[in-house]
């Protein structure tokens, strides 16, 4: 929004003071509606009852007052955040999401000194003006949509006030939120080559789960041994989990086939843990010294810390777990024959339903696992694996590897032709026929 628009926002409404709002019982009205409300309140008091405020907050789950009950009580930011986090609707969201929303509201509270106002004031035009000024003055254009969304959640479930901003009316069209770019193959290849020699099975397994499936750290932390299925040879075959039951970020289901390198890492991790129960985390909480608490769920902060230490240990280029999620998504997109359902289950995405065909075309999990195995027999990282080649006669292994890469759409046909020409030119010249 331009500077002139911000100035108009600031001048659009005057400060609302407690004395300006006439209702003694918490409803914010004006004119005849306020007088009617006042008369109604007096009638209630005559019968020995008081009208309950519309935006009454009550007390927290522990029965202690948060000083948020009255419209004229002073506000405390941390009490608002606590109320927000304890709301039944909000508790269904991932802890990381609640943390981000709380941070967005804290920025507003600090910039506009929310604690100097009362709920009565924020329920009027004053609240709208403070929000709009904060968005225009302090939030970059591409971050405004997400910031408004986070503040709205805390405003409604923490302050228990109606959301006063109509984005289309008060702000206008906003650009999409910034998105990360998928990393190129080179840094991923560097990480992959080093991880093959990592002696710690825990760290190796952690990296491969994220790199082979693009799972979020929040999801990885919640995976249990009961989610692992096994084949007829008792090797890990797939990880299948219900997103709603396990409390994943978007409640999306996860079902991905386990490539051989990840299967080996899971076997080693299970051996190192002794005999974990089905309800124990696959990757339990561990400190920086390798001490493991087998039944304790790890955190996204811990996972990112382990990931960062791996990169520093080998001097690798910067690559975050979220970067691998983007990279896996790009590799899935490059494989057009991979069905959208199989792709969504692999990465833990909500399956897109754009029409009735998408609604009814809902195949079982096993079929989608077979699709993943067909298109990614060694997982998305399989493009970096060295193929096992048996050299036949004088055909060089390099040429056979190139043919395999060409079949998997990893290299162009011209590269194969160059190798064929090189091989042909290096062969012994044929014996020329002696002319009489």
Protein backbone atom coordinates (compact mmCIF):
# COMPACT_ATOMS: atom_id res chain seq x y z
CA UNK A 1 0.00 0.00 0.00
CA UNK A 2 1.33 3.48 -0.81
CA UNK A 3 2.24 6.07 1.85
CA UNK A 4 -0.84 8.13 1.09
CA UNK A 5 -3.01 5.08 1.75
CA UNK A 6 -1.35 4.62 5.12
CA UNK A 7 -2.03 8.26 5.98
CA UNK A 8 -5.68 7.86 5.08
CA UNK A 9 -5.88 4.79 7.31
CA UNK A 10 -4.51 6.71 10.26
CA UNK A 11 -6.91 9.60 9.70
CA UNK A 12 -9.94 7.43 9.00
CA UNK A 13 -11.00 6.97 12.62
CA UNK A 14 -10.51 8.80 15.92
CA UNK A 15 -9.17 7.19 19.10
CA UNK A 16 -11.84 5.19 20.90
CA UNK A 17 -11.87 5.82 24.68
CA UNK A 18 -13.64 3.83 27.39
CA UNK A 19 -15.96 6.75 28.00
CA UNK A 20 -17.06 6.71 24.38
CA UNK A 21 -18.52 3.19 24.67
CA UNK A 22 -21.66 3.37 26.73
CA UNK A 23 -22.39 -0.31 27.45
CA UNK A 24 -21.47 -1.35 30.97
CA UNK A 25 -21.79 -5.04 30.15
CA UNK A 26 -19.27 -5.62 27.41
CA UNK A 27 -21.20 -5.15 24.14
CA UNK A 28 -19.93 -2.41 21.88
CA UNK A 29 -22.77 -0.47 20.28
CA UNK A 30 -23.59 3.10 19.35
CA UNK A 31 -26.67 5.35 19.09
CA UNK A 32 -30.13 3.86 19.57
CA UNK A 33 -28.73 0.32 19.73
CA UNK A 34 -26.58 1.25 22.76
CA UNK A 35 -29.55 2.85 24.54
CA UNK A 36 -31.72 -0.19 23.86
CA UNK A 37 -28.97 -2.41 25.25
CA UNK A 38 -28.67 -0.25 28.35
CA UNK A 39 -32.42 -0.49 28.98
CA UNK A 40 -32.29 -4.22 28.50
CA UNK A 41 -29.45 -4.49 31.02
CA UNK A 42 -31.41 -2.52 33.60
CA UNK A 43 -34.40 -4.82 33.14
CA UNK A 44 -32.15 -7.82 33.69
CA UNK A 45 -30.75 -6.31 36.88
CA UNK A 46 -34.30 -5.69 38.12
CA UNK A 47 -34.89 -9.43 37.94
CA UNK A 48 -31.65 -10.10 39.80
CA UNK A 49 -29.61 -11.09 36.72
CA UNK A 50 -26.84 -9.39 34.84
CA UNK A 51 -26.42 -9.61 31.08
CA UNK A 52 -23.32 -11.62 30.24
CA UNK A 53 -20.88 -9.72 28.02
CA UNK A 54 -20.79 -11.00 24.46
CA UNK A 55 -16.99 -11.18 24.49
CA UNK A 56 -16.56 -12.51 28.04
CA UNK A 57 -13.33 -14.52 28.29
CA UNK A 58 -13.64 -16.09 31.72
CA UNK A 59 -10.63 -17.87 33.18
CA UNK A 60 -8.02 -20.23 31.85
CA UNK A 61 -8.12 -24.00 32.00
CA UNK A 62 -6.46 -23.90 35.41
CA UNK A 63 -9.18 -21.64 36.80
CA UNK A 64 -6.87 -18.65 37.25
CA UNK A 65 -7.94 -15.27 35.95
CA UNK A 66 -5.99 -13.87 33.02
CA UNK A 67 -7.20 -10.28 33.61
CA UNK A 68 -9.03 -10.52 30.32
CA UNK A 69 -12.55 -10.85 31.66
CA UNK A 70 -13.72 -7.26 31.68
CA UNK A 71 -13.76 -5.02 28.66
CA UNK A 72 -12.04 -2.31 30.73
CA UNK A 73 -9.34 -4.53 32.27
CA UNK A 74 -5.74 -3.94 31.24
CA UNK A 75 -4.38 -6.44 28.73
CA UNK A 76 -1.31 -8.66 29.00
CA UNK A 77 0.20 -10.05 25.82
CA UNK A 78 1.33 -13.33 27.34
CA UNK A 79 -2.11 -13.93 28.85
CA UNK A 80 -3.64 -13.45 25.42
CA UNK A 81 -1.16 -15.91 23.90
CA UNK A 82 -1.85 -18.43 26.65
CA UNK A 83 -5.58 -18.11 26.09
CA UNK A 84 -5.02 -18.60 22.36
CA UNK A 85 -2.93 -21.75 22.83
CA UNK A 86 -5.46 -23.27 25.22
CA UNK A 87 -8.44 -22.79 22.91
CA UNK A 88 -9.85 -26.21 21.82
CA UNK A 89 -9.87 -25.24 18.14
CA UNK A 90 -6.31 -23.99 18.23
CA UNK A 91 -4.98 -27.02 20.11
CA UNK A 92 -5.76 -29.16 17.05
CA UNK A 93 -3.11 -27.26 15.07
CA UNK A 94 0.56 -28.16 15.11
CA UNK A 95 2.66 -26.56 17.86
CA UNK A 96 4.94 -25.01 15.25
CA UNK A 97 1.95 -23.29 13.61
CA UNK A 98 0.73 -21.92 16.95
CA UNK A 99 4.23 -20.64 17.66
CA UNK A 100 4.36 -18.73 14.37
CA UNK A 101 0.92 -17.17 14.95
CA UNK A 102 1.92 -16.16 18.48
CA UNK A 103 5.08 -14.52 17.15
CA UNK A 104 3.07 -12.51 14.62
CA UNK A 105 0.74 -11.24 17.34
CA UNK A 106 3.65 -10.36 19.62
CA UNK A 107 5.08 -8.17 16.86
CA UNK A 108 1.78 -6.30 16.68
CA UNK A 109 1.54 -6.03 20.48
CA UNK A 110 5.06 -4.61 20.75
CA UNK A 111 4.78 -2.22 17.80
CA UNK A 112 1.42 -0.79 18.86
CA UNK A 113 1.72 -1.20 22.65
CA UNK A 114 -1.42 -3.31 22.90
CA UNK A 115 -1.07 -3.55 26.69
CA UNK A 116 -1.92 0.16 26.98
CA UNK A 117 -5.43 -0.50 25.67
CA UNK A 118 -8.47 -2.35 26.91
CA UNK A 119 -10.62 -4.86 25.10
CA UNK A 120 -13.34 -2.22 24.91
CA UNK A 121 -11.07 0.04 22.91
CA UNK A 122 -9.76 -2.74 20.65
CA UNK A 123 -13.31 -3.89 19.91
CA UNK A 124 -14.01 -0.58 18.19
CA UNK A 125 -12.40 1.20 15.22
CA UNK A 126 -9.23 1.61 17.27
CA UNK A 127 -8.37 -2.08 16.95
CA UNK A 128 -8.84 -2.01 13.18
CA UNK A 129 -6.67 1.07 12.87
CA UNK A 130 -3.82 -0.40 14.96
CA UNK A 131 -3.78 -3.59 12.88
CA UNK A 132 -3.77 -1.75 9.55
CA UNK A 133 -1.07 0.68 10.65
CA UNK A 134 1.12 -2.21 11.81
CA UNK A 135 0.66 -4.12 8.56
CA UNK A 136 1.45 -1.07 6.41
CA UNK A 137 4.38 0.23 8.48
CA UNK A 138 6.14 -2.93 9.66
CA UNK A 139 5.32 -5.89 7.42
CA UNK A 140 6.87 -6.38 3.94
CA UNK A 141 4.35 -6.52 1.13
CA UNK A 142 4.85 -10.21 0.37
CA UNK A 143 4.50 -11.17 4.06
CA UNK A 144 1.27 -9.26 4.74
CA UNK A 145 -1.13 -12.04 3.80
CA UNK A 146 0.44 -14.57 6.18
CA UNK A 147 0.89 -11.98 8.94
CA UNK A 148 -2.78 -10.96 8.76
CA UNK A 149 -3.80 -14.60 8.95
CA UNK A 150 -1.71 -15.23 12.08
CA UNK A 151 -2.85 -12.07 13.87
CA UNK A 152 -6.47 -12.86 13.03
CA UNK A 153 -6.25 -16.26 14.72
CA UNK A 154 -4.90 -14.81 17.98
CA UNK A 155 -7.29 -11.87 17.84
CA UNK A 156 -10.31 -14.17 17.60
CA UNK A 157 -9.23 -17.02 19.90
CA UNK A 158 -6.96 -15.14 22.32
CA UNK A 159 -8.66 -11.76 22.65
CA UNK A 160 -12.06 -13.28 21.87
CA UNK A 161 -12.98 -10.28 19.72
CA UNK A 162 -14.46 -10.17 16.21
CA UNK A 163 -11.87 -9.70 13.47
CA UNK A 164 -12.22 -6.05 12.40
CA UNK A 165 -10.32 -6.16 9.08
CA UNK A 166 -11.86 -6.86 5.70
CA UNK A 167 -8.79 -7.44 3.52
CA UNK A 168 -10.52 -6.71 0.22
CA UNK A 169 -12.13 -3.52 1.55
CA UNK A 170 -9.36 -2.19 3.83
CA UNK A 171 -6.17 -3.30 2.08
CA UNK A 172 -6.90 -4.63 -1.37
CA UNK A 173 -5.22 -7.37 -3.37
CA UNK A 174 -2.09 -8.82 -1.79
CA UNK A 175 0.65 -10.81 -3.53
CA UNK A 176 1.29 -14.44 -2.78
CA UNK A 177 3.57 -15.36 0.09
CA UNK A 178 7.22 -15.80 -0.84
CA UNK A 179 8.13 -19.37 -1.74
CA UNK A 180 11.50 -21.06 -1.62
CA UNK A 181 13.19 -22.27 -4.76
CA UNK A 182 14.03 -25.92 -5.20
CA UNK A 183 17.79 -26.40 -4.74
CA UNK A 184 19.86 -27.66 -7.68
CA UNK A 185 21.11 -31.24 -7.77
CA UNK A 186 24.75 -30.38 -6.98
CA UNK A 187 24.39 -29.59 -3.22
CA UNK A 188 22.00 -32.51 -2.76
CA UNK A 189 24.55 -34.81 -4.43
CA UNK A 190 27.27 -33.51 -2.10
CA UNK A 191 25.15 -34.31 0.96
CA UNK A 192 24.18 -37.71 -0.44
CA UNK A 193 27.80 -38.75 -1.06
CA UNK A 194 28.85 -37.82 2.49
CA UNK A 195 25.85 -39.42 4.19
CA UNK A 196 26.77 -42.78 2.62
CA UNK A 197 29.83 -42.82 4.90
CA UNK A 198 28.15 -41.45 8.05
CA UNK A 199 28.85 -43.96 10.89
CA UNK A 200 26.00 -42.78 13.15
CA UNK A 201 22.86 -44.74 12.13
CA UNK A 202 20.56 -42.25 13.88
CA UNK A 203 21.85 -39.26 11.88
CA UNK A 204 21.98 -41.25 8.66
CA UNK A 205 18.38 -42.40 9.11
CA UNK A 206 17.20 -38.89 9.99
CA UNK A 207 18.68 -37.43 6.80
CA UNK A 208 17.43 -40.21 4.54
CA UNK A 209 13.83 -40.08 5.82
CA UNK A 210 13.61 -36.40 4.94
CA UNK A 211 15.67 -36.57 1.74
CA UNK A 212 13.92 -39.64 0.30
CA UNK A 213 10.37 -38.49 1.05
CA UNK A 214 10.47 -34.74 1.68
CA UNK A 215 8.73 -35.11 5.05
CA UNK A 216 8.47 -32.15 7.41
CA UNK A 217 10.54 -32.35 10.63
CA UNK A 218 7.24 -32.15 12.56
CA UNK A 219 6.08 -35.33 10.83
CA UNK A 220 9.39 -37.14 11.27
CA UNK A 221 9.31 -36.42 15.01
CA UNK A 222 5.90 -38.08 15.33
CA UNK A 223 6.67 -41.27 13.39
CA UNK A 224 6.49 -44.46 15.48
CA UNK A 225 7.70 -48.00 14.88
CA UNK A 226 4.07 -49.09 14.48
CA UNK A 227 4.00 -47.03 11.29
CA UNK A 228 6.66 -49.25 9.67
CA UNK A 229 5.42 -52.21 7.64
CA UNK A 230 7.67 -55.10 6.59
CA UNK A 231 7.98 -57.37 3.56
CA UNK A 232 8.20 -61.16 3.50
CA UNK A 233 11.94 -60.97 4.28
CA UNK A 234 11.26 -58.89 7.42
CA UNK A 235 12.82 -55.79 5.87
CA UNK A 236 11.18 -52.37 6.27
CA UNK A 237 8.89 -51.92 3.28
CA UNK A 238 6.80 -48.78 3.86
CA UNK A 239 5.88 -46.09 6.39
CA UNK A 240 2.14 -45.55 6.67
CA UNK A 241 0.57 -43.08 9.12
CA UNK A 242 -2.78 -41.33 9.53
CA UNK A 243 -2.20 -37.59 9.71
CA UNK A 244 -5.28 -36.83 11.82
CA UNK A 245 -4.55 -39.54 14.38
CA UNK A 246 -0.90 -38.56 14.75
CA UNK A 247 -1.41 -34.78 14.72
CA UNK A 248 0.63 -33.93 11.64
CA UNK A 249 0.70 -30.31 10.56
CA UNK A 250 -2.00 -30.54 7.88
CA UNK A 251 -3.57 -33.86 9.03
CA UNK A 252 -2.56 -35.31 5.64
CA UNK A 253 -1.87 -39.05 5.51
CA UNK A 254 1.64 -40.35 4.85
CA UNK A 255 2.42 -43.53 2.91
CA UNK A 256 5.78 -43.93 1.22
CA UNK A 257 7.72 -46.98 0.15
CA UNK A 258 11.09 -47.32 1.88
CA UNK A 259 14.09 -47.46 -0.51
CA UNK A 260 16.91 -49.91 0.23
CA UNK A 261 19.31 -47.35 1.74
CA UNK A 262 16.67 -46.10 4.17
CA UNK A 263 15.64 -49.69 5.00
CA UNK A 264 19.24 -50.48 5.96
CA UNK A 265 19.42 -47.34 8.11
CA UNK A 266 16.16 -48.22 9.90
CA UNK A 267 17.46 -51.71 10.66
CA UNK A 268 20.64 -50.24 12.18
CA UNK A 269 18.68 -47.70 14.24
CA UNK A 270 16.39 -50.42 15.61
CA UNK A 271 19.43 -52.50 16.62
CA UNK A 272 21.00 -49.51 18.38
CA UNK A 273 17.79 -48.93 20.37
CA UNK A 274 17.62 -52.50 21.61
CA UNK A 275 14.01 -53.59 21.53
CA UNK A 276 11.85 -50.49 21.02
CA UNK A 277 8.11 -50.90 21.43
CA UNK A 278 5.65 -50.14 18.65
CA UNK A 279 4.71 -46.87 20.33
CA UNK A 280 8.30 -45.64 20.66
CA UNK A 281 9.45 -42.94 18.22
CA UNK A 282 11.56 -44.12 15.29
CA UNK A 283 13.92 -41.24 16.03
CA UNK A 284 13.61 -40.53 19.77
CA UNK A 285 14.92 -37.52 21.63
CA UNK A 286 18.71 -37.38 21.82
CA UNK A 287 21.09 -34.72 23.06
CA UNK A 288 24.26 -33.42 21.44
CA UNK A 289 26.32 -36.17 23.11
CA UNK A 290 24.25 -38.99 21.65
CA UNK A 291 22.37 -39.87 24.84
CA UNK A 292 18.95 -41.21 23.87
CA UNK A 293 15.66 -41.13 25.74
CA UNK A 294 13.98 -43.98 23.91
CA UNK A 295 10.34 -43.22 24.73
CA UNK A 296 10.56 -39.42 24.44
CA UNK A 297 9.46 -37.72 21.24
CA UNK A 298 12.05 -35.47 19.68
CA UNK A 299 11.30 -31.94 18.48
CA UNK A 300 11.63 -30.03 15.23
CA UNK A 301 14.31 -27.89 16.87
CA UNK A 302 16.33 -31.01 17.71
CA UNK A 303 15.97 -32.38 14.19
CA UNK A 304 17.14 -29.12 12.64
CA UNK A 305 20.05 -29.05 15.09
CA UNK A 306 21.19 -32.57 14.12
CA UNK A 307 20.84 -31.64 10.45
CA UNK A 308 22.93 -28.50 10.91
CA UNK A 309 25.70 -30.39 12.74
CA UNK A 310 25.86 -32.91 9.91
CA UNK A 311 26.45 -30.12 7.42
CA UNK A 312 29.18 -28.54 9.55
CA UNK A 313 30.83 -31.91 10.17
CA UNK A 314 31.46 -32.49 6.45
CA UNK A 315 31.72 -28.85 5.38
CA UNK A 316 28.69 -29.22 3.12
CA UNK A 317 26.82 -26.44 1.28
CA UNK A 318 23.86 -24.99 3.14
CA UNK A 319 20.79 -27.18 2.72
CA UNK A 320 17.78 -27.15 5.06
CA UNK A 321 15.10 -29.81 5.58
CA UNK A 322 12.58 -27.54 3.86
CA UNK A 323 14.91 -27.34 0.86
CA UNK A 324 14.77 -31.11 0.54
CA UNK A 325 10.98 -30.96 0.61
CA UNK A 326 11.09 -28.62 -2.37
CA UNK A 327 13.68 -30.79 -4.13
CA UNK A 328 11.62 -33.97 -3.73
CA UNK A 329 8.53 -32.15 -5.00
CA UNK A 330 10.46 -31.07 -8.10
CA UNK A 331 11.68 -34.60 -8.77
CA UNK A 332 8.11 -35.89 -8.47
CA UNK A 333 6.99 -33.25 -10.94
CA UNK A 334 9.73 -34.32 -13.37
CA UNK A 335 8.25 -37.82 -13.30
CA UNK A 336 4.91 -37.20 -15.05
CA UNK A 337 3.94 -40.86 -14.87
CA UNK A 338 3.80 -40.72 -11.05
CA UNK A 339 0.11 -40.40 -10.12
CA UNK A 340 -0.89 -37.34 -8.08
CA UNK A 341 -2.22 -39.51 -5.25
CA UNK A 342 1.05 -41.42 -4.97
CA UNK A 343 2.93 -38.11 -4.95
CA UNK A 344 0.72 -36.65 -2.22
CA UNK A 345 1.11 -39.72 0.00
CA UNK A 346 4.86 -39.77 -0.54
CA UNK A 347 5.29 -36.21 0.74
CA UNK A 348 2.40 -36.00 3.20
CA UNK A 349 0.35 -33.54 1.12
CA UNK A 350 -3.39 -33.13 1.12
CA UNK A 351 -4.64 -35.00 -1.94
CA UNK A 352 -6.06 -32.46 -4.41
CA UNK A 353 -9.75 -32.79 -5.24
CA UNK A 354 -10.60 -30.46 -8.10
CA UNK A 355 -13.58 -32.31 -9.56
CA UNK A 356 -15.79 -35.35 -9.08
CA UNK A 357 -13.27 -37.53 -10.90
CA UNK A 358 -10.65 -36.72 -8.25
CA UNK A 359 -13.21 -37.51 -5.55
CA UNK A 360 -14.03 -40.99 -6.82
CA UNK A 361 -10.58 -41.89 -8.22
CA UNK A 362 -9.25 -42.87 -4.81
CA UNK A 363 -7.02 -45.94 -4.99
CA UNK A 364 -5.88 -47.97 -2.00
CA UNK A 365 -2.56 -47.36 -0.29
CA UNK A 366 -0.90 -50.52 -1.60
CA UNK A 367 -1.54 -49.51 -5.21
CA UNK A 368 0.00 -46.10 -4.59
CA UNK A 369 3.03 -47.71 -2.95
CA UNK A 370 3.47 -49.87 -6.05
CA UNK A 371 3.31 -46.73 -8.19
CA UNK A 372 6.02 -45.13 -6.10
CA UNK A 373 8.19 -48.25 -6.39
CA UNK A 374 7.71 -48.33 -10.15
CA UNK A 375 8.68 -44.70 -10.75
CA UNK A 376 11.24 -44.35 -7.92
CA UNK A 377 12.67 -47.85 -7.32
CA UNK A 378 15.53 -46.34 -5.30
CA UNK A 379 13.68 -43.25 -4.10
CA UNK A 380 14.19 -39.73 -5.45
CA UNK A 381 17.85 -39.98 -4.44
CA UNK A 382 18.28 -43.01 -6.70
CA UNK A 383 19.48 -40.71 -9.48
CA UNK A 384 22.73 -40.32 -7.52
CA UNK A 385 23.25 -44.04 -6.80
CA UNK A 386 25.95 -45.81 -8.77
CA UNK A 387 24.31 -48.57 -10.82
CA UNK A 388 25.54 -52.10 -10.42
CA UNK A 389 27.00 -52.96 -13.83
CA UNK A 390 28.40 -56.26 -15.06
CA UNK A 391 30.76 -55.67 -17.95
CA UNK A 392 30.16 -58.09 -20.83
CA UNK A 393 32.98 -58.60 -23.29
CA UNK A 394 34.70 -55.37 -24.29
CA UNK A 395 31.67 -53.10 -23.69
CA UNK A 396 32.79 -50.52 -21.09
CA UNK A 397 30.78 -50.12 -17.91
CA UNK A 398 30.61 -46.36 -18.49
CA UNK A 399 28.61 -46.93 -21.65
CA UNK A 400 26.19 -49.31 -19.94
CA UNK A 401 25.70 -46.80 -17.10
CA UNK A 402 24.97 -44.10 -19.67
CA UNK A 403 22.36 -46.30 -21.34
CA UNK A 404 20.65 -46.82 -17.96
CA UNK A 405 20.71 -43.06 -17.28
CA UNK A 406 19.26 -42.40 -20.73
CA UNK A 407 16.44 -44.87 -20.12
CA UNK A 408 15.61 -43.11 -16.82
CA UNK A 409 15.60 -39.67 -18.54
CA UNK A 410 18.66 -38.51 -16.58
CA UNK A 411 20.81 -37.63 -19.59
CA UNK A 412 20.17 -36.70 -23.20
CA UNK A 413 20.61 -39.04 -26.14
CA UNK A 414 23.44 -36.90 -27.48
CA UNK A 415 25.56 -37.83 -24.45
CA UNK A 416 25.07 -41.52 -25.20
CA UNK A 417 26.01 -40.97 -28.85
CA UNK A 418 29.22 -39.21 -27.81
CA UNK A 419 30.19 -42.22 -25.69
CA UNK A 420 29.35 -44.60 -28.52
CA UNK A 421 31.56 -42.64 -30.92
CA UNK A 422 34.39 -42.60 -28.38
CA UNK A 423 34.11 -46.35 -27.89
CA UNK A 424 34.00 -46.98 -31.63
CA UNK A 425 37.07 -44.85 -32.28
CA UNK A 426 39.05 -46.57 -29.54
CA UNK A 427 38.37 -50.06 -30.96
CA UNK A 428 41.02 -51.85 -33.06
CA UNK A 429 40.75 -51.03 -36.77
CA UNK A 430 39.36 -53.87 -38.91
CA UNK A 431 41.81 -55.94 -41.02
CA UNK A 432 41.77 -54.49 -44.48
CA UNK A 433 41.25 -56.81 -47.44
CA UNK A 434 44.34 -57.46 -49.58
CA UNK A 435 43.72 -56.51 -53.16
CA UNK A 436 45.24 -58.59 -55.91
